[in-house]
Amino acid sequence: ENGHKTCEHTGWVPGQFFMKESLDQVNSQLPELITPGLWAFRDI
């Protein structure tokens, strides 16, 4: 996720940030993931 030094300490392997990307994607989907029944409570 975050990157690391190589075992030989000669370089840096960059992070892939797949967890951050996944979390951002899920956050953007939250309105669609809320159940219709919970939306009904919001209306009340």
All heavy atoms as atom14 arrays in JSON, in Angstrom:
{
  "sequence": "ENGHKTCEHTGWVPGQFFMKESLDQVNSQLPELITPGLWAFRDI",
  "atom14_mask": [
    [1, 1, 1, 1, 1, 1, 1, 1, 1, 0, 0, 0, 0, 0],
    [1, 1, 1, 1, 1, 1, 1, 1, 0, 0, 0, 0, 0, 0],
    [1, 1, 1, 1, 0, 0, 0, 0, 0, 0, 0, 0, 0, 0],
    [1, 1, 1, 1, 1, 1, 1, 1, 1, 1, 0, 0, 0, 0],
    [1, 1, 1, 1, 1, 1, 1, 1, 1, 0, 0, 0, 0, 0],
    [1, 1, 1, 1, 1, 1, 1, 0, 0, 0, 0, 0, 0, 0],
    [1, 1, 1, 1, 1, 1, 0, 0, 0, 0, 0, 0, 0, 0],
    [1, 1, 1, 1, 1, 1, 1, 1, 1, 0, 0, 0, 0, 0],
    [1, 1, 1, 1, 1, 1, 1, 1, 1, 1, 0, 0, 0, 0],
    [1, 1, 1, 1, 1, 1, 1, 0, 0, 0, 0, 0, 0, 0],
    [1, 1, 1, 1, 0, 0, 0, 0, 0, 0, 0, 0, 0, 0],
    [1, 1, 1, 1, 1, 1, 1, 1, 1, 1, 1, 1, 1, 1],
    [1, 1, 1, 1, 1, 1, 1, 0, 0, 0, 0, 0, 0, 0],
    [1, 1, 1, 1, 1, 1, 1, 0, 0, 0, 0, 0, 0, 0],
    [1, 1, 1, 1, 0, 0, 0, 0, 0, 0, 0, 0, 0, 0],
    [1, 1, 1, 1, 1, 1, 1, 1, 1, 0, 0, 0, 0, 0],
    [1, 1, 1, 1, 1, 1, 1, 1, 1, 1, 1, 0, 0, 0],
    [1, 1, 1, 1, 1, 1, 1, 1, 1, 1, 1, 0, 0, 0],
    [1, 1, 1, 1, 1, 1, 1, 1, 0, 0, 0, 0, 0, 0],
    [1, 1, 1, 1, 1, 1, 1, 1, 1, 0, 0, 0, 0, 0],
    [1, 1, 1, 1, 1, 1, 1, 1, 1, 0, 0, 0, 0, 0],
    [1, 1, 1, 1, 1, 1, 0, 0, 0, 0, 0, 0, 0, 0],
    [1, 1, 1, 1, 1, 1, 1, 1, 0, 0, 0, 0, 0, 0],
    [1, 1, 1, 1, 1, 1, 1, 1, 0, 0, 0, 0, 0, 0],
    [1, 1, 1, 1, 1, 1, 1, 1, 1, 0, 0, 0, 0, 0],
    [1, 1, 1, 1, 1, 1, 1, 0, 0, 0, 0, 0, 0, 0],
    [1, 1, 1, 1, 1, 1, 1, 1, 0, 0, 0, 0, 0, 0],
    [1, 1, 1, 1, 1, 1, 0, 0, 0, 0, 0, 0, 0, 0],
    [1, 1, 1, 1, 1, 1, 1, 1, 1, 0, 0, 0, 0, 0],
    [1, 1, 1, 1, 1, 1, 1, 1, 0, 0, 0, 0, 0, 0],
    [1, 1, 1, 1, 1, 1, 1, 0, 0, 0, 0, 0, 0, 0],
    [1, 1, 1, 1, 1, 1, 1, 1, 1, 0, 0, 0, 0, 0],
    [1, 1, 1, 1, 1, 1, 1, 1, 0, 0, 0, 0, 0, 0],
    [1, 1, 1, 1, 1, 1, 1, 1, 0, 0, 0, 0, 0, 0],
    [1, 1, 1, 1, 1, 1, 1, 0, 0, 0, 0, 0, 0, 0],
    [1, 1, 1, 1, 1, 1, 1, 0, 0, 0, 0, 0, 0, 0],
    [1, 1, 1, 1, 0, 0, 0, 0, 0, 0, 0, 0, 0, 0],
    [1, 1, 1, 1, 1, 1, 1, 1, 0, 0, 0, 0, 0, 0],
    [1, 1, 1, 1, 1, 1, 1, 1, 1, 1, 1, 1, 1, 1],
    [1, 1, 1, 1, 1, 0, 0, 0, 0, 0, 0, 0, 0, 0],
    [1, 1, 1, 1, 1, 1, 1, 1, 1, 1, 1, 0, 0, 0],
    [1, 1, 1, 1, 1, 1, 1, 1, 1, 1, 1, 0, 0, 0],
    [1, 1, 1, 1, 1, 1, 1, 1, 0, 0, 0, 0, 0, 0],
    [1, 1, 1, 1, 1, 1, 1, 1, 0, 0, 0, 0, 0, 0]
  ],
  "atom14_positions": [
    [[0.82, -1.21, 0.0], [0.0, 0.0, 0.0], [0.86, 1.27, 0.0], [0.65, 2.16, -0.82], [-0.92, 0.01, 1.23], [-1.68, 1.29, 1.44], [-2.79, 1.55, 0.45], [-3.11, 0.7, -0.39], [-3.36, 2.65, 0.51], [0.0, 0.0, 0.0], [0.0, 0.0, 0.0], [0.0, 0.0, 0.0], [0.0, 0.0, 0.0], [0.0, 0.0, 0.0]],
    [[1.81, 1.35, 0.91], [2.54, 2.6, 1.15], [3.92, 2.68, 0.5], [4.54, 3.73, 0.52], [2.72, 2.81, 2.66], [1.38, 2.92, 3.35], [0.5, 3.63, 2.9], [1.22, 2.19, 4.44], [0.0, 0.0, 0.0], [0.0, 0.0, 0.0], [0.0, 0.0, 0.0], [0.0, 0.0, 0.0], [0.0, 0.0, 0.0], [0.0, 0.0, 0.0]],
    [[4.43, 1.58, 0.0], [5.77, 1.55, -0.56], [6.77, 1.09, 0.49], [6.45, 1.02, 1.68], [0.0, 0.0, 0.0], [0.0, 0.0, 0.0], [0.0, 0.0, 0.0], [0.0, 0.0, 0.0], [0.0, 0.0, 0.0], [0.0, 0.0, 0.0], [0.0, 0.0, 0.0], [0.0, 0.0, 0.0], [0.0, 0.0, 0.0], [0.0, 0.0, 0.0]],
    [[7.97, 0.76, 0.03], [9.0, 0.25, 0.94], [10.37, 0.27, 0.28], [10.49, 0.34, -0.95], [8.67, -1.18, 1.38], [8.54, -2.13, 0.23], [9.6, -2.87, -0.24], [7.48, -2.45, -0.56], [9.2, -3.62, -1.26], [7.92, -3.38, -1.47], [0.0, 0.0, 0.0], [0.0, 0.0, 0.0], [0.0, 0.0, 0.0], [0.0, 0.0, 0.0]],
    [[11.38, 0.2, 1.13], [12.75, 0.06, 0.62], [12.94, -1.37, 0.15], [12.34, -2.29, 0.68], [13.77, 0.37, 1.72], [13.94, 1.83, 2.02], [15.08, 2.0, 3.01], [15.35, 3.47, 3.24], [16.46, 3.67, 4.17], [0.0, 0.0, 0.0], [0.0, 0.0, 0.0], [0.0, 0.0, 0.0], [0.0, 0.0, 0.0], [0.0, 0.0, 0.0]],
    [[13.82, -1.54, -0.79], [14.14, -2.89, -1.23], [15.0, -3.57, -0.17], [15.61, -2.9, 0.68], [14.89, -2.87, -2.58], [16.09, -2.12, -2.41], [14.04, -2.27, -3.67], [0.0, 0.0, 0.0], [0.0, 0.0, 0.0], [0.0, 0.0, 0.0], [0.0, 0.0, 0.0], [0.0, 0.0, 0.0], [0.0, 0.0, 0.0], [0.0, 0.0, 0.0]],
    [[15.06, -4.87, -0.23], [15.84, -5.62, 0.76], [17.3, -5.2, 0.77], [17.97, -5.22, 1.8], [15.75, -7.13, 0.48], [14.1, -7.78, 0.78], [0.0, 0.0, 0.0], [0.0, 0.0, 0.0], [0.0, 0.0, 0.0], [0.0, 0.0, 0.0], [0.0, 0.0, 0.0], [0.0, 0.0, 0.0], [0.0, 0.0, 0.0], [0.0, 0.0, 0.0]],
    [[17.8, -4.82, -0.38], [19.2, -4.42, -0.48], [19.41, -2.97, -0.09], [20.53, -2.46, -0.11], [19.71, -4.61, -1.92], [19.58, -6.03, -2.45], [18.18, -6.34, -2.95], [17.47, -5.43, -3.42], [17.77, -7.49, -2.84], [0.0, 0.0, 0.0], [0.0, 0.0, 0.0], [0.0, 0.0, 0.0], [0.0, 0.0, 0.0], [0.0, 0.0, 0.0]],
    [[18.33, -2.25, 0.25], [18.37, -0.84, 0.62], [18.94, 0.03, -0.49], [19.51, 1.07, -0.25], [19.16, -0.61, 1.91], [18.63, -1.36, 3.08], [17.45, -1.01, 3.71], [19.06, -2.48, 3.71], [17.21, -1.86, 4.69], [18.17, -2.77, 4.71], [0.0, 0.0, 0.0], [0.0, 0.0, 0.0], [0.0, 0.0, 0.0], [0.0, 0.0, 0.0]],
    [[18.78, -0.43, -1.72], [19.32, 0.32, -2.85], [18.25, 1.16, -3.54], [18.58, 1.99, -4.37], [19.92, -0.64, -3.89], [18.91, -1.55, -4.29], [21.11, -1.37, -3.33], [0.0, 0.0, 0.0], [0.0, 0.0, 0.0], [0.0, 0.0, 0.0], [0.0, 0.0, 0.0], [0.0, 0.0, 0.0], [0.0, 0.0, 0.0], [0.0, 0.0, 0.0]],
    [[17.02, 0.95, -3.2], [15.97, 1.71, -3.88], [14.66, 1.69, -3.13], [14.55, 1.11, -2.05], [0.0, 0.0, 0.0], [0.0, 0.0, 0.0], [0.0, 0.0, 0.0], [0.0, 0.0, 0.0], [0.0, 0.0, 0.0], [0.0, 0.0, 0.0], [0.0, 0.0, 0.0], [0.0, 0.0, 0.0], [0.0, 0.0, 0.0], [0.0, 0.0, 0.0]],
    [[13.69, 2.3, -3.75], [12.35, 2.42, -3.15], [11.32, 1.85, -4.11], [11.31, 2.17, -5.29], [12.05, 3.9, -2.88], [10.7, 4.15, -2.31], [9.6, 4.55, -2.98], [10.31, 3.98, -0.96], [8.53, 4.66, -2.13], [8.95, 4.32, -0.86], [10.97, 3.59, 0.21], [8.22, 4.27, 0.32], [10.25, 3.55, 1.39], [8.89, 3.89, 1.44]],
    [[10.47, 0.98, -3.59], [9.34, 0.45, -4.37], [8.14, 1.33, -4.02], [7.74, 1.39, -2.85], [9.06, -1.03, -4.02], [7.85, -1.52, -4.77], [10.28, -1.88, -4.3], [0.0, 0.0, 0.0], [0.0, 0.0, 0.0], [0.0, 0.0, 0.0], [0.0, 0.0, 0.0], [0.0, 0.0, 0.0], [0.0, 0.0, 0.0], [0.0, 0.0, 0.0]],
    [[7.58, 2.05, -4.99], [6.48, 2.96, -4.66], [5.22, 2.21, -4.21], [4.98, 1.07, -4.62], [6.21, 3.7, -5.98], [7.06, 3.06, -7.01], [7.96, 2.06, -6.37], [0.0, 0.0, 0.0], [0.0, 0.0, 0.0], [0.0, 0.0, 0.0], [0.0, 0.0, 0.0], [0.0, 0.0, 0.0], [0.0, 0.0, 0.0], [0.0, 0.0, 0.0]],
    [[4.45, 2.89, -3.39], [3.19, 2.31, -2.93], [2.16, 2.29, -4.04], [2.21, 3.09, -4.97], [0.0, 0.0, 0.0], [0.0, 0.0, 0.0], [0.0, 0.0, 0.0], [0.0, 0.0, 0.0], [0.0, 0.0, 0.0], [0.0, 0.0, 0.0], [0.0, 0.0, 0.0], [0.0, 0.0, 0.0], [0.0, 0.0, 0.0], [0.0, 0.0, 0.0]],
    [[1.2, 1.36, -3.92], [0.15, 1.25, -4.94], [-1.16, 1.88, -4.48], [-2.06, 2.06, -5.29], [-0.02, -0.22, -5.32], [1.24, -0.77, -5.94], [1.05, -2.13, -6.54], [-0.03, -2.47, -7.01], [2.1, -2.93, -6.53], [0.0, 0.0, 0.0], [0.0, 0.0, 0.0], [0.0, 0.0, 0.0], [0.0, 0.0, 0.0], [0.0, 0.0, 0.0]],
    [[-1.29, 2.19, -3.21], [-2.43, 2.92, -2.65], [-3.78, 2.32, -3.04], [-4.76, 3.03, -3.23], [-2.36, 4.4, -3.02], [-1.05, 5.02, -2.62], [-0.1, 5.33, -3.59], [-0.73, 5.22, -1.29], [1.13, 5.87, -3.22], [0.49, 5.75, -0.91], [1.43, 6.08, -1.89], [0.0, 0.0, 0.0], [0.0, 0.0, 0.0], [0.0, 0.0, 0.0]],
    [[-3.83, 0.99, -3.13], [-5.07, 0.31, -3.49], [-6.11, 0.39, -2.37], [-7.32, 0.41, -2.65], [-4.8, -1.15, -3.88], [-4.21, -1.98, -2.77], [-5.02, -2.78, -1.98], [-2.84, -1.97, -2.52], [-4.48, -3.55, -0.96], [-2.3, -2.74, -1.51], [-3.12, -3.53, -0.71], [0.0, 0.0, 0.0], [0.0, 0.0, 0.0], [0.0, 0.0, 0.0]],
    [[-5.67, 0.47, -1.11], [-6.62, 0.58, 0.01], [-7.26, 1.97, 0.02], [-8.47, 2.1, 0.17], [-5.92, 0.32, 1.34], [-5.49, -1.11, 1.54], [-4.81, -1.33, 3.2], [-3.31, -2.21, 2.84], [0.0, 0.0, 0.0], [0.0, 0.0, 0.0], [0.0, 0.0, 0.0], [0.0, 0.0, 0.0], [0.0, 0.0, 0.0], [0.0, 0.0, 0.0]],
    [[-6.46, 3.0, -0.15], [-6.98, 4.36, -0.18], [-7.96, 4.5, -1.35], [-9.05, 5.08, -1.2], [-5.86, 5.38, -0.31], [-6.36, 6.81, -0.31], [-5.25, 7.79, -0.66], [-5.73, 9.21, -0.73], [-6.95, 9.45, -1.46], [0.0, 0.0, 0.0], [0.0, 0.0, 0.0], [0.0, 0.0, 0.0], [0.0, 0.0, 0.0], [0.0, 0.0, 0.0]],
    [[-7.58, 4.0, -2.5], [-8.44, 4.06, -3.69], [-9.76, 3.33, -3.43], [-10.84, 3.82, -3.77], [-7.72, 3.45, -4.88], [-8.51, 3.47, -6.16], [-7.75, 2.8, -7.3], [-6.52, 2.99, -7.39], [-8.41, 2.09, -8.09], [0.0, 0.0, 0.0], [0.0, 0.0, 0.0], [0.0, 0.0, 0.0], [0.0, 0.0, 0.0], [0.0, 0.0, 0.0]],
    [[-9.68, 2.17, -2.82], [-10.88, 1.38, -2.52], [-11.8, 2.13, -1.56], [-13.02, 2.18, -1.77], [-10.5, 0.03, -1.9], [-9.72, -0.72, -2.8], [0.0, 0.0, 0.0], [0.0, 0.0, 0.0], [0.0, 0.0, 0.0], [0.0, 0.0, 0.0], [0.0, 0.0, 0.0], [0.0, 0.0, 0.0], [0.0, 0.0, 0.0], [0.0, 0.0, 0.0]],
    [[-11.22, 2.7, -0.52], [-12.02, 3.45, 0.45], [-12.7, 4.65, -0.2], [-13.88, 4.91, 0.04], [-11.15, 3.89, 1.62], [-11.87, 4.53, 2.79], [-12.91, 3.59, 3.38], [-10.87, 4.93, 3.86], [0.0, 0.0, 0.0], [0.0, 0.0, 0.0], [0.0, 0.0, 0.0], [0.0, 0.0, 0.0], [0.0, 0.0, 0.0], [0.0, 0.0, 0.0]],
    [[-11.98, 5.35, -1.05], [-12.57, 6.49, -1.77], [-13.74, 6.02, -2.65], [-14.77, 6.69, -2.71], [-11.53, 7.19, -2.64], [-10.48, 7.95, -1.82], [-10.7, 8.17, -0.61], [-9.43, 8.29, -2.41], [0.0, 0.0, 0.0], [0.0, 0.0, 0.0], [0.0, 0.0, 0.0], [0.0, 0.0, 0.0], [0.0, 0.0, 0.0], [0.0, 0.0, 0.0]],
    [[-13.58, 4.89, -3.3], [-14.65, 4.36, -4.16], [-15.88, 3.98, -3.34], [-17.0, 4.28, -3.72], [-14.14, 3.17, -4.97], [-13.15, 3.56, -6.03], [-12.45, 2.37, -6.67], [-12.48, 1.26, -6.15], [-11.8, 2.61, -7.79], [0.0, 0.0, 0.0], [0.0, 0.0, 0.0], [0.0, 0.0, 0.0], [0.0, 0.0, 0.0], [0.0, 0.0, 0.0]],
    [[-15.66, 3.31, -2.22], [-16.79, 2.91, -1.37], [-17.5, 4.15, -0.83], [-18.72, 4.23, -0.82], [-16.34, 1.98, -0.23], [-17.47, 1.73, 0.77], [-15.84, 0.65, -0.8], [0.0, 0.0, 0.0], [0.0, 0.0, 0.0], [0.0, 0.0, 0.0], [0.0, 0.0, 0.0], [0.0, 0.0, 0.0], [0.0, 0.0, 0.0], [0.0, 0.0, 0.0]],
    [[-16.73, 5.13, -0.39], [-17.33, 6.37, 0.12], [-18.2, 7.04, -0.93], [-19.26, 7.58, -0.6], [-16.26, 7.34, 0.63], [-15.75, 6.96, 1.99], [-16.43, 6.32, 2.78], [-14.52, 7.35, 2.28], [0.0, 0.0, 0.0], [0.0, 0.0, 0.0], [0.0, 0.0, 0.0], [0.0, 0.0, 0.0], [0.0, 0.0, 0.0], [0.0, 0.0, 0.0]],
    [[-17.77, 7.02, -2.17], [-18.57, 7.65, -3.23], [-19.84, 6.86, -3.53], [-20.79, 7.4, -4.09], [-17.74, 7.82, -4.5], [-17.5, 6.57, -5.12], [0.0, 0.0, 0.0], [0.0, 0.0, 0.0], [0.0, 0.0, 0.0], [0.0, 0.0, 0.0], [0.0, 0.0, 0.0], [0.0, 0.0, 0.0], [0.0, 0.0, 0.0], [0.0, 0.0, 0.0]],
    [[-19.88, 5.58, -3.16], [-21.05, 4.73, -3.41], [-22.03, 4.7, -2.24], [-23.09, 4.1, -2.34], [-20.59, 3.29, -3.69], [-19.73, 3.13, -4.9], [-19.07, 1.75, -4.94], [-19.33, 0.88, -4.12], [-18.2, 1.57, -5.91], [0.0, 0.0, 0.0], [0.0, 0.0, 0.0], [0.0, 0.0, 0.0], [0.0, 0.0, 0.0], [0.0, 0.0, 0.0]],
    [[-21.69, 5.34, -1.13], [-22.52, 5.24, 0.08], [-24.0, 5.56, -0.14], [-24.85, 4.81, 0.35], [-21.94, 6.11, 1.2], [-20.71, 5.54, 1.88], [-20.19, 6.51, 2.93], [-20.96, 4.18, 2.48], [0.0, 0.0, 0.0], [0.0, 0.0, 0.0], [0.0, 0.0, 0.0], [0.0, 0.0, 0.0], [0.0, 0.0, 0.0], [0.0, 0.0, 0.0]],
    [[-24.36, 6.61, -0.85], [-25.8, 6.87, -1.01], [-26.55, 5.7, -1.66], [-27.69, 5.42, -1.29], [-25.84, 8.12, -1.91], [-24.54, 8.79, -1.66], [-23.55, 7.68, -1.43], [0.0, 0.0, 0.0], [0.0, 0.0, 0.0], [0.0, 0.0, 0.0], [0.0, 0.0, 0.0], [0.0, 0.0, 0.0], [0.0, 0.0, 0.0], [0.0, 0.0, 0.0]],
    [[-25.92, 5.0, -2.58], [-26.57, 3.86, -3.22], [-26.6, 2.62, -2.33], [-27.4, 1.72, -2.54], [-25.87, 3.5, -4.55], [-25.97, 4.57, -5.62], [-24.88, 5.62, -5.49], [-23.73, 5.27, -5.14], [-25.17, 6.8, -5.73], [0.0, 0.0, 0.0], [0.0, 0.0, 0.0], [0.0, 0.0, 0.0], [0.0, 0.0, 0.0], [0.0, 0.0, 0.0]],
    [[-25.7, 2.56, -1.35], [-25.6, 1.39, -0.49], [-26.54, 1.45, 0.72], [-26.78, 0.43, 1.36], [-24.15, 1.2, -0.02], [-23.15, 0.89, -1.13], [-21.73, 0.92, -0.58], [-23.46, -0.43, -1.8], [0.0, 0.0, 0.0], [0.0, 0.0, 0.0], [0.0, 0.0, 0.0], [0.0, 0.0, 0.0], [0.0, 0.0, 0.0], [0.0, 0.0, 0.0]],
    [[-27.05, 2.63, 1.02], [-28.0, 2.76, 2.12], [-29.29, 2.06, 1.72], [-29.79, 2.26, 0.62], [-28.28, 4.25, 2.43], [-26.99, 4.98, 2.78], [-29.34, 4.4, 3.51], [-26.3, 4.53, 4.02], [0.0, 0.0, 0.0], [0.0, 0.0, 0.0], [0.0, 0.0, 0.0], [0.0, 0.0, 0.0], [0.0, 0.0, 0.0], [0.0, 0.0, 0.0]],
    [[-29.83, 1.25, 2.6], [-31.05, 0.5, 2.28], [-32.25, 1.44, 2.13], [-32.31, 2.48, 2.79], [-31.38, -0.54, 3.37], [-31.57, 0.16, 4.61], [-30.29, -1.58, 3.51], [0.0, 0.0, 0.0], [0.0, 0.0, 0.0], [0.0, 0.0, 0.0], [0.0, 0.0, 0.0], [0.0, 0.0, 0.0], [0.0, 0.0, 0.0], [0.0, 0.0, 0.0]],
    [[-33.18, 1.09, 1.26], [-34.38, 1.92, 1.09], [-35.13, 2.15, 2.41], [-35.67, 3.23, 2.63], [-35.24, 1.12, 0.11], [-34.26, 0.27, -0.65], [-33.17, -0.04, 0.34], [0.0, 0.0, 0.0], [0.0, 0.0, 0.0], [0.0, 0.0, 0.0], [0.0, 0.0, 0.0], [0.0, 0.0, 0.0], [0.0, 0.0, 0.0], [0.0, 0.0, 0.0]],
    [[-35.14, 1.15, 3.27], [-35.8, 1.31, 4.56], [-35.18, 2.39, 5.41], [-35.86, 3.12, 6.14], [0.0, 0.0, 0.0], [0.0, 0.0, 0.0], [0.0, 0.0, 0.0], [0.0, 0.0, 0.0], [0.0, 0.0, 0.0], [0.0, 0.0, 0.0], [0.0, 0.0, 0.0], [0.0, 0.0, 0.0], [0.0, 0.0, 0.0], [0.0, 0.0, 0.0]],
    [[-33.85, 2.54, 5.34], [-33.18, 3.59, 6.1], [-33.46, 4.96, 5.49], [-33.64, 5.94, 6.21], [-31.68, 3.33, 6.18], [-30.9, 4.17, 7.18], [-31.51, 4.08, 8.58], [-29.45, 3.76, 7.21], [0.0, 0.0, 0.0], [0.0, 0.0, 0.0], [0.0, 0.0, 0.0], [0.0, 0.0, 0.0], [0.0, 0.0, 0.0], [0.0, 0.0, 0.0]],
    [[-33.54, 5.02, 4.16], [-33.91, 6.28, 3.52], [-35.31, 6.71, 3.97], [-35.59, 7.9, 4.12], [-33.86, 6.18, 2.0], [-32.47, 6.24, 1.43], [-31.84, 5.26, 0.72], [-31.52, 7.31, 1.53], [-30.57, 5.66, 0.38], [-30.35, 6.92, 0.86], [-31.55, 8.57, 2.13], [-29.23, 7.73, 0.76], [-30.43, 9.38, 2.02], [-29.29, 8.96, 1.35]],
    [[-36.19, 5.74, 4.19], [-37.55, 6.07, 4.65], [-37.5, 6.75, 6.02], [-38.3, 7.65, 6.28], [-38.41, 4.81, 4.7], [0.0, 0.0, 0.0], [0.0, 0.0, 0.0], [0.0, 0.0, 0.0], [0.0, 0.0, 0.0], [0.0, 0.0, 0.0], [0.0, 0.0, 0.0], [0.0, 0.0, 0.0], [0.0, 0.0, 0.0], [0.0, 0.0, 0.0]],
    [[-36.58, 6.34, 6.88], [-36.43, 6.99, 8.18], [-35.99, 8.43, 8.0], [-36.42, 9.32, 8.73], [-35.42, 6.25, 9.05], [-36.03, 5.08, 9.76], [-35.88, 3.8, 9.27], [-36.75, 5.26, 10.92], [-36.43, 2.71, 9.9], [-37.32, 4.18, 11.58], [-37.16, 2.91, 11.06], [0.0, 0.0, 0.0], [0.0, 0.0, 0.0], [0.0, 0.0, 0.0]],
    [[-35.13, 8.66, 7.04], [-34.68, 10.04, 6.78], [-35.87, 10.91, 6.42], [-35.99, 12.05, 6.87], [-33.65, 10.05, 5.66], [-33.14, 11.46, 5.38], [-32.42, 11.53, 4.11], [-33.38, 11.39, 3.02], [-33.13, 11.68, 1.78], [-31.96, 12.11, 1.43], [-34.03, 11.53, 0.86], [0.0, 0.0, 0.0], [0.0, 0.0, 0.0], [0.0, 0.0, 0.0]],
    [[-36.77, 10.36, 5.62], [-37.95, 11.12, 5.21], [-38.85, 11.45, 6.4], [-39.44, 12.52, 6.46], [-38.73, 10.36, 4.14], [-37.92, 10.21, 2.86], [-36.99, 11.0, 2.65], [-38.23, 9.29, 2.07], [0.0, 0.0, 0.0], [0.0, 0.0, 0.0], [0.0, 0.0, 0.0], [0.0, 0.0, 0.0], [0.0, 0.0, 0.0], [0.0, 0.0, 0.0]],
    [[-38.93, 10.54, 7.35], [-39.73, 10.78, 8.55], [-39.09, 11.88, 9.38], [-39.78, 12.72, 9.95], [-39.86, 9.49, 9.39], [-40.74, 8.49, 8.68], [-40.4, 9.79, 10.78], [-40.73, 7.12, 9.32], [0.0, 0.0, 0.0], [0.0, 0.0, 0.0], [0.0, 0.0, 0.0], [0.0, 0.0, 0.0], [0.0, 0.0, 0.0], [0.0, 0.0, 0.0]]
  ]
}
